[in-house]
């Protein structure tokens, strides 16, 4: 996910932890934040930001019929911290707008 000329937020998953990385200087320096999701079949798969501070992360479990309560998280501080969002998605999500 990119915004403006300088900010970028890639996400990871499929490991013991899921993380969202952020660079505010076109990739010269990075900061990582853990998101409440992660194992080999789970993680953050998509991000959307409405501005530099408010964002949404979605993902879930790649396995069929496996609900994942931490499949959606929000940030209000530009991705420094993430909190589970109310009402997780009912299934795996690979995109968000």
PDB file of N, CA and C in Angstrom:
ATOM      1  N   UNK A   1       0.854  -1.171   0.000  1.00  0.00           N
ATOM      2  CA  UNK A   1       0.000   0.000   0.000  1.00  0.00           C
ATOM      3  C   UNK A   1       0.895   1.226   0.000  1.00  0.00           C
ATOM      4  N   UNK A   2       0.668   2.160  -0.892  1.00  0.00           N
ATOM      5  CA  UNK A   2       1.431   3.399  -0.945  1.00  0.00           C
ATOM      6  C   UNK A   2       0.473   4.579  -0.873  1.00  0.00           C
ATOM      7  N   UNK A   3       0.959   5.684  -0.313  1.00  0.00           N
ATOM      8  CA  UNK A   3       0.165   6.902  -0.220  1.00  0.00           C
ATOM      9  C   UNK A   3       1.093   8.089  -0.413  1.00  0.00           C
ATOM     10  N   UNK A   4       0.704   8.986  -1.281  1.00  0.00           N
ATOM     11  CA  UNK A   4       1.529  10.159  -1.525  1.00  0.00           C
ATOM     12  C   UNK A   4       2.863   9.787  -2.150  1.00  0.00           C
ATOM     13  N   UNK A   5       3.801  10.690  -2.049  1.00  0.00           N
ATOM     14  CA  UNK A   5       5.104  10.489  -2.671  1.00  0.00           C
ATOM     15  C   UNK A   5       6.113   9.786  -1.781  1.00  0.00           C
ATOM     16  N   UNK A   6       5.797   9.601  -0.495  1.00  0.00           N
ATOM     17  CA  UNK A   6       6.820   9.089   0.421  1.00  0.00           C
ATOM     18  C   UNK A   6       6.426   7.867   1.247  1.00  0.00           C
ATOM     19  N   UNK A   7       5.146   7.660   1.523  1.00  0.00           N
ATOM     20  CA  UNK A   7       4.719   6.604   2.442  1.00  0.00           C
ATOM     21  C   UNK A   7       4.418   5.294   1.728  1.00  0.00           C
ATOM     22  N   UNK A   8       4.860   4.192   2.353  1.00  0.00           N
ATOM     23  CA  UNK A   8       4.550   2.851   1.858  1.00  0.00           C
ATOM     24  C   UNK A   8       4.402   1.910   3.049  1.00  0.00           C
ATOM     25  N   UNK A   9       3.413   1.002   2.959  1.00  0.00           N
ATOM     26  CA  UNK A   9       3.125   0.035   4.016  1.00  0.00           C
ATOM     27  C   UNK A   9       2.996  -1.363   3.399  1.00  0.00           C
ATOM     28  N   UNK A  10       4.025  -2.192   3.367  1.00  0.00           N
ATOM     29  CA  UNK A  10       3.843  -3.601   2.976  1.00  0.00           C
ATOM     30  C   UNK A  10       3.474  -4.437   4.203  1.00  0.00           C
ATOM     31  N   UNK A  11       2.822  -5.577   3.967  1.00  0.00           N
ATOM     32  CA  UNK A  11       2.401  -6.466   5.056  1.00  0.00           C
ATOM     33  C   UNK A  11       2.982  -7.857   4.846  1.00  0.00           C
ATOM     34  N   UNK A  12       3.104  -8.605   5.945  1.00  0.00           N
ATOM     35  CA  UNK A  12       3.618  -9.969   5.884  1.00  0.00           C
ATOM     36  C   UNK A  12       2.638 -10.923   6.547  1.00  0.00           C
ATOM     37  N   UNK A  13       2.792 -12.178   6.267  1.00  0.00           N
ATOM     38  CA  UNK A  13       1.989 -13.220   6.879  1.00  0.00           C
ATOM     39  C   UNK A  13       2.609 -14.562   6.574  1.00  0.00           C
ATOM     40  N   UNK A  14       1.934 -15.635   6.945  1.00  0.00           N
ATOM     41  CA  UNK A  14       2.428 -16.970   6.672  1.00  0.00           C
ATOM     42  C   UNK A  14       3.624 -17.359   7.525  1.00  0.00           C
ATOM     43  N   UNK A  15       3.763 -16.754   8.682  1.00  0.00           N
ATOM     44  CA  UNK A  15       4.859 -17.061   9.608  1.00  0.00           C
ATOM     45  C   UNK A  15       4.300 -17.003  11.027  1.00  0.00           C
ATOM     46  N   UNK A  16       5.162 -17.165  12.003  1.00  0.00           N
ATOM     47  CA  UNK A  16       4.713 -17.125  13.399  1.00  0.00           C
ATOM     48  C   UNK A  16       4.070 -15.800  13.764  1.00  0.00           C
ATOM     49  N   UNK A  17       4.483 -14.709  13.101  1.00  0.00           N
ATOM     50  CA  UNK A  17       3.904 -13.390  13.356  1.00  0.00           C
ATOM     51  C   UNK A  17       3.555 -12.727  12.033  1.00  0.00           C
ATOM     52  N   UNK A  18       2.560 -11.895  12.057  1.00  0.00           N
ATOM     53  CA  UNK A  18       2.237 -11.045  10.922  1.00  0.00           C
ATOM     54  C   UNK A  18       2.698  -9.642  11.278  1.00  0.00           C
ATOM     55  N   UNK A  19       3.232  -8.929  10.292  1.00  0.00           N
ATOM     56  CA  UNK A  19       3.708  -7.573  10.556  1.00  0.00           C
ATOM     57  C   UNK A  19       3.315  -6.643   9.420  1.00  0.00           C
ATOM     58  N   UNK A  20       3.197  -5.370   9.754  1.00  0.00           N
ATOM     59  CA  UNK A  20       3.054  -4.312   8.773  1.00  0.00           C
ATOM     60  C   UNK A  20       4.289  -3.437   8.914  1.00  0.00           C
ATOM     61  N   UNK A  21       4.965  -3.225   7.818  1.00  0.00           N
ATOM     62  CA  UNK A  21       6.143  -2.352   7.797  1.00  0.00           C
ATOM     63  C   UNK A  21       5.708  -0.990   7.277  1.00  0.00           C
ATOM     64  N   UNK A  22       6.410   0.060   7.674  1.00  0.00           N
ATOM     65  CA  UNK A  22       6.101   1.405   7.187  1.00  0.00           C
ATOM     66  C   UNK A  22       7.385   2.167   6.926  1.00  0.00           C
ATOM     67  N   UNK A  23       7.416   2.835   5.795  1.00  0.00           N
ATOM     68  CA  UNK A  23       8.493   3.769   5.488  1.00  0.00           C
ATOM     69  C   UNK A  23       7.844   5.096   5.112  1.00  0.00           C
ATOM     70  N   UNK A  24       8.324   6.165   5.705  1.00  0.00           N
ATOM     71  CA  UNK A  24       7.818   7.498   5.381  1.00  0.00           C
ATOM     72  C   UNK A  24       8.818   8.286   4.548  1.00  0.00           C
ATOM     73  N   UNK A  25       9.882   7.600   4.071  1.00  0.00           N
ATOM     74  CA  UNK A  25      10.927   8.283   3.294  1.00  0.00           C
ATOM     75  C   UNK A  25      11.331   7.483   2.054  1.00  0.00           C
ATOM     76  N   UNK A  26      10.331   6.931   1.379  1.00  0.00           N
ATOM     77  CA  UNK A  26      10.539   6.178   0.143  1.00  0.00           C
ATOM     78  C   UNK A  26      11.398   4.935   0.315  1.00  0.00           C
ATOM     79  N   UNK A  27      11.379   4.317   1.482  1.00  0.00           N
ATOM     80  CA  UNK A  27      12.073   3.062   1.688  1.00  0.00           C
ATOM     81  C   UNK A  27      13.473   3.146   2.241  1.00  0.00           C
ATOM     82  N   UNK A  28      13.940   4.322   2.630  1.00  0.00           N
ATOM     83  CA  UNK A  28      15.276   4.436   3.223  1.00  0.00           C
ATOM     84  C   UNK A  28      15.292   3.835   4.623  1.00  0.00           C
ATOM     85  N   UNK A  29      14.303   4.131   5.434  1.00  0.00           N
ATOM     86  CA  UNK A  29      14.205   3.599   6.797  1.00  0.00           C
ATOM     87  C   UNK A  29      12.845   2.933   6.958  1.00  0.00           C
ATOM     88  N   UNK A  30      12.801   1.871   7.782  1.00  0.00           N
ATOM     89  CA  UNK A  30      11.583   1.109   7.982  1.00  0.00           C
ATOM     90  C   UNK A  30      11.290   0.932   9.460  1.00  0.00           C
ATOM     91  N   UNK A  31      10.005   0.845   9.788  1.00  0.00           N
ATOM     92  CA  UNK A  31       9.542   0.527  11.126  1.00  0.00           C
ATOM     93  C   UNK A  31       8.550  -0.637  10.985  1.00  0.00           C
ATOM     94  N   UNK A  32       8.628  -1.622  11.869  1.00  0.00           N
ATOM     95  CA  UNK A  32       7.733  -2.781  11.820  1.00  0.00           C
ATOM     96  C   UNK A  32       6.808  -2.785  13.019  1.00  0.00           C
ATOM     97  N   UNK A  33       5.574  -3.202  12.796  1.00  0.00           N
ATOM     98  CA  UNK A  33       4.594  -3.344  13.874  1.00  0.00           C
ATOM     99  C   UNK A  33       3.918  -4.700  13.729  1.00  0.00           C
ATOM    100  N   UNK A  34       3.767  -5.402  14.840  1.00  0.00           N
ATOM    101  CA  UNK A  34       3.070  -6.684  14.803  1.00  0.00           C
ATOM    102  C   UNK A  34       1.570  -6.464  14.723  1.00  0.00           C
ATOM    103  N   UNK A  35       0.921  -7.357  13.977  1.00  0.00           N
ATOM    104  CA  UNK A  35      -0.530  -7.353  13.826  1.00  0.00           C
ATOM    105  C   UNK A  35      -1.032  -8.668  14.426  1.00  0.00           C
ATOM    106  N   UNK A  36      -2.172  -8.654  15.108  1.00  0.00           N
ATOM    107  CA  UNK A  36      -2.642  -9.875  15.773  1.00  0.00           C
ATOM    108  C   UNK A  36      -3.099 -10.942  14.784  1.00  0.00           C
ATOM    109  N   UNK A  37      -2.166 -11.490  14.022  1.00  0.00           N
ATOM    110  CA  UNK A  37      -2.449 -12.566  13.070  1.00  0.00           C
ATOM    111  C   UNK A  37      -1.130 -13.240  12.745  1.00  0.00           C
ATOM    112  N   UNK A  38      -1.157 -14.529  12.491  1.00  0.00           N
ATOM    113  CA  UNK A  38       0.052 -15.182  12.049  1.00  0.00           C
ATOM    114  C   UNK A  38       0.136 -16.656  12.372  1.00  0.00           C
ATOM    115  N   UNK A  39       0.417 -17.433  11.393  1.00  0.00           N
ATOM    116  CA  UNK A  39       0.831 -18.827  11.404  1.00  0.00           C
ATOM    117  C   UNK A  39       0.975 -19.202   9.933  1.00  0.00           C
ATOM    118  N   UNK A  40       1.393 -20.403   9.587  1.00  0.00           N
ATOM    119  CA  UNK A  40       1.658 -20.705   8.177  1.00  0.00           C
ATOM    120  C   UNK A  40       0.490 -20.502   7.216  1.00  0.00           C
ATOM    121  N   UNK A  41      -0.744 -20.535   7.688  1.00  0.00           N
ATOM    122  CA  UNK A  41      -1.886 -20.356   6.794  1.00  0.00           C
ATOM    123  C   UNK A  41      -2.587 -19.017   6.984  1.00  0.00           C
ATOM    124  N   UNK A  42      -2.066 -18.161   7.840  1.00  0.00           N
ATOM    125  CA  UNK A  42      -2.751 -16.904   8.162  1.00  0.00           C
ATOM    126  C   UNK A  42      -1.825 -15.717   8.016  1.00  0.00           C
ATOM    127  N   UNK A  43      -2.418 -14.542   7.999  1.00  0.00           N
ATOM    128  CA  UNK A  43      -1.624 -13.328   7.997  1.00  0.00           C
ATOM    129  C   UNK A  43      -2.364 -12.159   7.406  1.00  0.00           C
ATOM    130  N   UNK A  44      -1.678 -11.052   7.270  1.00  0.00           N
ATOM    131  CA  UNK A  44      -2.226  -9.853   6.654  1.00  0.00           C
ATOM    132  C   UNK A  44      -2.023  -9.981   5.154  1.00  0.00           C
ATOM    133  N   UNK A  45      -3.099  -9.812   4.404  1.00  0.00           N
ATOM    134  CA  UNK A  45      -3.032  -9.981   2.956  1.00  0.00           C
ATOM    135  C   UNK A  45      -3.302  -8.695   2.199  1.00  0.00           C
ATOM    136  N   UNK A  46      -3.914  -7.713   2.848  1.00  0.00           N
ATOM    137  CA  UNK A  46      -4.201  -6.450   2.171  1.00  0.00           C
ATOM    138  C   UNK A  46      -4.315  -5.329   3.187  1.00  0.00           C
ATOM    139  N   UNK A  47      -3.954  -4.135   2.743  1.00  0.00           N
ATOM    140  CA  UNK A  47      -4.021  -2.930   3.562  1.00  0.00           C
ATOM    141  C   UNK A  47      -4.724  -1.827   2.796  1.00  0.00           C
ATOM    142  N   UNK A  48      -5.379  -0.948   3.525  1.00  0.00           N
ATOM    143  CA  UNK A  48      -5.944   0.271   2.948  1.00  0.00           C
ATOM    144  C   UNK A  48      -5.807   1.371   3.989  1.00  0.00           C
ATOM    145  N   UNK A  49      -5.412   2.554   3.547  1.00  0.00           N
ATOM    146  CA  UNK A  49      -5.320   3.728   4.415  1.00  0.00           C
ATOM    147  C   UNK A  49      -6.170   4.824   3.816  1.00  0.00           C
ATOM    148  N   UNK A  50      -6.987   5.474   4.655  1.00  0.00           N
ATOM    149  CA  UNK A  50      -7.781   6.599   4.159  1.00  0.00           C
ATOM    150  C   UNK A  50      -6.994   7.901   4.238  1.00  0.00           C
ATOM    151  N   UNK A  51      -5.958   7.906   5.092  1.00  0.00           N
ATOM    152  CA  UNK A  51      -5.028   9.023   5.194  1.00  0.00           C
ATOM    153  C   UNK A  51      -3.749   8.475   5.829  1.00  0.00           C
ATOM    154  N   UNK A  52      -2.815   9.302   6.214  1.00  0.00           N
ATOM    155  CA  UNK A  52      -1.538   8.818   6.746  1.00  0.00           C
ATOM    156  C   UNK A  52      -1.648   8.148   8.112  1.00  0.00           C
ATOM    157  N   UNK A  53      -2.774   8.275   8.801  1.00  0.00           N
ATOM    158  CA  UNK A  53      -2.888   7.713  10.142  1.00  0.00           C
ATOM    159  C   UNK A  53      -3.919   6.599  10.289  1.00  0.00           C
ATOM    160  N   UNK A  54      -4.977   6.600   9.513  1.00  0.00           N
ATOM    161  CA  UNK A  54      -6.075   5.646   9.684  1.00  0.00           C
ATOM    162  C   UNK A  54      -6.012   4.547   8.626  1.00  0.00           C
ATOM    163  N   UNK A  55      -5.836   3.291   9.109  1.00  0.00           N
ATOM    164  CA  UNK A  55      -5.714   2.184   8.175  1.00  0.00           C
ATOM    165  C   UNK A  55      -6.459   0.942   8.622  1.00  0.00           C
ATOM    166  N   UNK A  56      -6.638   0.032   7.672  1.00  0.00           N
ATOM    167  CA  UNK A  56      -7.314  -1.236   7.890  1.00  0.00           C
ATOM    168  C   UNK A  56      -6.471  -2.343   7.279  1.00  0.00           C
ATOM    169  N   UNK A  57      -6.268  -3.418   8.027  1.00  0.00           N
ATOM    170  CA  UNK A  57      -5.570  -4.608   7.540  1.00  0.00           C
ATOM    171  C   UNK A  57      -6.567  -5.757   7.543  1.00  0.00           C
ATOM    172  N   UNK A  58      -6.581  -6.542   6.470  1.00  0.00           N
ATOM    173  CA  UNK A  58      -7.433  -7.723   6.411  1.00  0.00           C
ATOM    174  C   UNK A  58      -6.608  -8.925   5.984  1.00  0.00           C
ATOM    175  N   UNK A  59      -7.122 -10.080   6.268  1.00  0.00           N
ATOM    176  CA  UNK A  59      -6.454 -11.320   5.891  1.00  0.00           C
ATOM    177  C   UNK A  59      -7.329 -12.476   6.296  1.00  0.00           C
ATOM    178  N   UNK A  60      -6.723 -13.428   6.937  1.00  0.00           N
ATOM    179  CA  UNK A  60      -7.482 -14.562   7.403  1.00  0.00           C
ATOM    180  C   UNK A  60      -6.739 -15.846   7.237  1.00  0.00           C
ATOM    181  N   UNK A  61      -7.497 -16.912   7.151  1.00  0.00           N
ATOM    182  CA  UNK A  61      -6.960 -18.260   7.071  1.00  0.00           C
ATOM    183  C   UNK A  61      -7.196 -18.785   5.667  1.00  0.00           C
ATOM    184  N   UNK A  62      -6.144 -19.244   5.004  1.00  0.00           N
ATOM    185  CA  UNK A  62      -6.254 -19.765   3.640  1.00  0.00           C
ATOM    186  C   UNK A  62      -7.030 -21.078   3.580  1.00  0.00           C
ATOM    187  N   UNK A  63      -7.124 -21.782   4.693  1.00  0.00           N
ATOM    188  CA  UNK A  63      -7.813 -23.073   4.707  1.00  0.00           C
ATOM    189  C   UNK A  63      -9.325 -22.848   4.680  1.00  0.00           C
ATOM    190  N   UNK A  64     -10.053 -23.645   3.883  1.00  0.00           N
ATOM    191  CA  UNK A  64     -11.513 -23.473   3.795  1.00  0.00           C
ATOM    192  C   UNK A  64     -12.189 -23.674   5.154  1.00  0.00           C
ATOM    193  N   UNK A  65     -13.249 -22.922   5.362  1.00  0.00           N
ATOM    194  CA  UNK A  65     -14.104 -23.065   6.553  1.00  0.00           C
ATOM    195  C   UNK A  65     -13.366 -22.884   7.868  1.00  0.00           C
ATOM    196  N   UNK A  66     -12.338 -22.051   7.887  1.00  0.00           N
ATOM    197  CA  UNK A  66     -11.592 -21.781   9.111  1.00  0.00           C
ATOM    198  C   UNK A  66     -11.769 -20.314   9.492  1.00  0.00           C
ATOM    199  N   UNK A  67     -12.698 -19.986  10.363  1.00  0.00           N
ATOM    200  CA  UNK A  67     -12.837 -18.585  10.782  1.00  0.00           C
ATOM    201  C   UNK A  67     -11.574 -18.137  11.509  1.00  0.00           C
ATOM    202  N   UNK A  68     -11.281 -16.879  11.406  1.00  0.00           N
ATOM    203  CA  UNK A  68     -10.075 -16.342  12.035  1.00  0.00           C
ATOM    204  C   UNK A  68     -10.425 -15.027  12.708  1.00  0.00           C
ATOM    205  N   UNK A  69     -10.646 -15.033  14.036  1.00  0.00           N
ATOM    206  CA  UNK A  69     -11.104 -13.829  14.740  1.00  0.00           C
ATOM    207  C   UNK A  69     -10.204 -12.614  14.571  1.00  0.00           C
ATOM    208  N   UNK A  70      -8.931 -12.805  14.293  1.00  0.00           N
ATOM    209  CA  UNK A  70      -8.018 -11.664  14.141  1.00  0.00           C
ATOM    210  C   UNK A  70      -7.823 -11.306  12.678  1.00  0.00           C
ATOM    211  N   UNK A  71      -8.797 -11.610  11.832  1.00  0.00           N
ATOM    212  CA  UNK A  71      -8.660 -11.362  10.400  1.00  0.00           C
ATOM    213  C   UNK A  71      -8.838  -9.933   9.961  1.00  0.00           C
ATOM    214  N   UNK A  72      -9.045  -9.026  10.899  1.00  0.00           N
ATOM    215  CA  UNK A  72      -9.193  -7.608  10.539  1.00  0.00           C
ATOM    216  C   UNK A  72      -8.670  -6.776  11.697  1.00  0.00           C
ATOM    217  N   UNK A  73      -7.830  -5.780  11.386  1.00  0.00           N
ATOM    218  CA  UNK A  73      -7.263  -4.905  12.424  1.00  0.00           C
ATOM    219  C   UNK A  73      -7.240  -3.478  11.910  1.00  0.00           C
ATOM    220  N   UNK A  74      -7.251  -2.525  12.843  1.00  0.00           N
ATOM    221  CA  UNK A  74      -7.224  -1.111  12.488  1.00  0.00           C
ATOM    222  C   UNK A  74      -6.066  -0.412  13.183  1.00  0.00           C
ATOM    223  N   UNK A  75      -5.660   0.703  12.580  1.00  0.00           N
ATOM    224  CA  UNK A  75      -4.667   1.581  13.180  1.00  0.00           C
ATOM    225  C   UNK A  75      -5.160   3.013  13.094  1.00  0.00           C
ATOM    226  N   UNK A  76      -4.809   3.803  14.090  1.00  0.00           N
ATOM    227  CA  UNK A  76      -5.121   5.236  14.074  1.00  0.00           C
ATOM    228  C   UNK A  76      -3.852   6.056  14.251  1.00  0.00           C
ATOM    229  N   UNK A  77      -2.689   5.373  14.191  1.00  0.00           N
ATOM    230  CA  UNK A  77      -1.414   6.079  14.369  1.00  0.00           C
ATOM    231  C   UNK A  77      -0.419   5.781  13.240  1.00  0.00           C
ATOM    232  N   UNK A  78      -0.935   5.601  12.045  1.00  0.00           N
ATOM    233  CA  UNK A  78      -0.063   5.399  10.893  1.00  0.00           C
ATOM    234  C   UNK A  78       0.571   4.023  10.822  1.00  0.00           C
ATOM    235  N   UNK A  79       0.050   3.056  11.562  1.00  0.00           N
ATOM    236  CA  UNK A  79       0.584   1.708  11.525  1.00  0.00           C
ATOM    237  C   UNK A  79       1.572   1.378  12.626  1.00  0.00           C
ATOM    238  N   UNK A  80       1.770   2.285  13.581  1.00  0.00           N
ATOM    239  CA  UNK A  80       2.667   1.971  14.713  1.00  0.00           C
ATOM    240  C   UNK A  80       2.087   0.876  15.586  1.00  0.00           C
ATOM    241  N   UNK A  81       0.762   0.919  15.788  1.00  0.00           N
ATOM    242  CA  UNK A  81       0.069  -0.116  16.562  1.00  0.00           C
ATOM    243  C   UNK A  81      -1.184  -0.530  15.806  1.00  0.00           C
ATOM    244  N   UNK A  82      -1.580  -1.772  16.016  1.00  0.00           N
ATOM    245  CA  UNK A  82      -2.765  -2.338  15.373  1.00  0.00           C
ATOM    246  C   UNK A  82      -3.631  -2.997  16.431  1.00  0.00           C
ATOM    247  N   UNK A  83      -4.948  -2.809  16.313  1.00  0.00           N
ATOM    248  CA  UNK A  83      -5.915  -3.404  17.223  1.00  0.00           C
ATOM    249  C   UNK A  83      -6.918  -4.232  16.426  1.00  0.00           C
ATOM    250  N   UNK A  84      -7.338  -5.376  16.977  1.00  0.00           N
ATOM    251  CA  UNK A  84      -8.382  -6.137  16.288  1.00  0.00           C
ATOM    252  C   UNK A  84      -9.616  -5.267  16.081  1.00  0.00           C
ATOM    253  N   UNK A  85     -10.197  -5.335  14.918  1.00  0.00           N
ATOM    254  CA  UNK A  85     -11.399  -4.565  14.614  1.00  0.00           C
ATOM    255  C   UNK A  85     -12.625  -5.324  15.085  1.00  0.00           C
ATOM    256  N   UNK A  86     -13.658  -4.589  15.414  1.00  0.00           N
ATOM    257  CA  UNK A  86     -14.913  -5.217  15.820  1.00  0.00           C
ATOM    258  C   UNK A  86     -15.472  -5.995  14.639  1.00  0.00           C
ATOM    259  N   UNK A  87     -15.927  -7.191  14.900  1.00  0.00           N
ATOM    260  CA  UNK A  87     -16.545  -7.999  13.846  1.00  0.00           C
ATOM    261  C   UNK A  87     -15.571  -8.418  12.774  1.00  0.00           C
ATOM    262  N   UNK A  88     -14.816  -9.500  12.998  1.00  0.00           N
ATOM    263  CA  UNK A  88     -13.874  -9.950  11.981  1.00  0.00           C
ATOM    264  C   UNK A  88     -14.590 -10.371  10.708  1.00  0.00           C
ATOM    265  N   UNK A  89     -13.904 -10.388   9.587  1.00  0.00           N
ATOM    266  CA  UNK A  89     -14.554 -10.855   8.366  1.00  0.00           C
ATOM    267  C   UNK A  89     -14.960 -12.322   8.520  1.00  0.00           C
ATOM    268  N   UNK A  90     -16.050 -12.724   7.892  1.00  0.00           N
ATOM    269  CA  UNK A  90     -16.529 -14.094   8.069  1.00  0.00           C
ATOM    270  C   UNK A  90     -15.632 -15.151   7.414  1.00  0.00           C
ATOM    271  N   UNK A  91     -14.737 -14.726   6.556  1.00  0.00           N
ATOM    272  CA  UNK A  91     -13.864 -15.671   5.858  1.00  0.00           C
ATOM    273  C   UNK A  91     -12.614 -14.944   5.391  1.00  0.00           C
ATOM    274  N   UNK A  92     -11.727 -15.683   4.793  1.00  0.00           N
ATOM    275  CA  UNK A  92     -10.480 -15.166   4.222  1.00  0.00           C
ATOM    276  C   UNK A  92     -10.743 -13.972   3.311  1.00  0.00           C
ATOM    277  N   UNK A  93      -9.924 -12.939   3.425  1.00  0.00           N
ATOM    278  CA  UNK A  93      -9.998 -11.762   2.565  1.00  0.00           C
ATOM    279  C   UNK A  93      -8.617 -11.472   2.003  1.00  0.00           C
ATOM    280  N   UNK A  94      -8.567 -11.207   0.709  1.00  0.00           N
ATOM    281  CA  UNK A  94      -7.277 -10.904   0.086  1.00  0.00           C
ATOM    282  C   UNK A  94      -7.222  -9.486  -0.471  1.00  0.00           C
ATOM    283  N   UNK A  95      -8.253  -8.682  -0.236  1.00  0.00           N
ATOM    284  CA  UNK A  95      -8.251  -7.310  -0.693  1.00  0.00           C
ATOM    285  C   UNK A  95      -9.125  -6.442   0.187  1.00  0.00           C
ATOM    286  N   UNK A  96      -8.825  -5.150   0.205  1.00  0.00           N
ATOM    287  CA  UNK A  96      -9.616  -4.196   0.971  1.00  0.00           C
ATOM    288  C   UNK A  96      -9.521  -2.835   0.289  1.00  0.00           C
ATOM    289  N   UNK A  97     -10.621  -2.073   0.344  1.00  0.00           N
ATOM    290  CA  UNK A  97     -10.635  -0.727  -0.234  1.00  0.00           C
ATOM    291  C   UNK A  97     -11.357   0.203   0.720  1.00  0.00           C
TER     292      UNK A  97
END
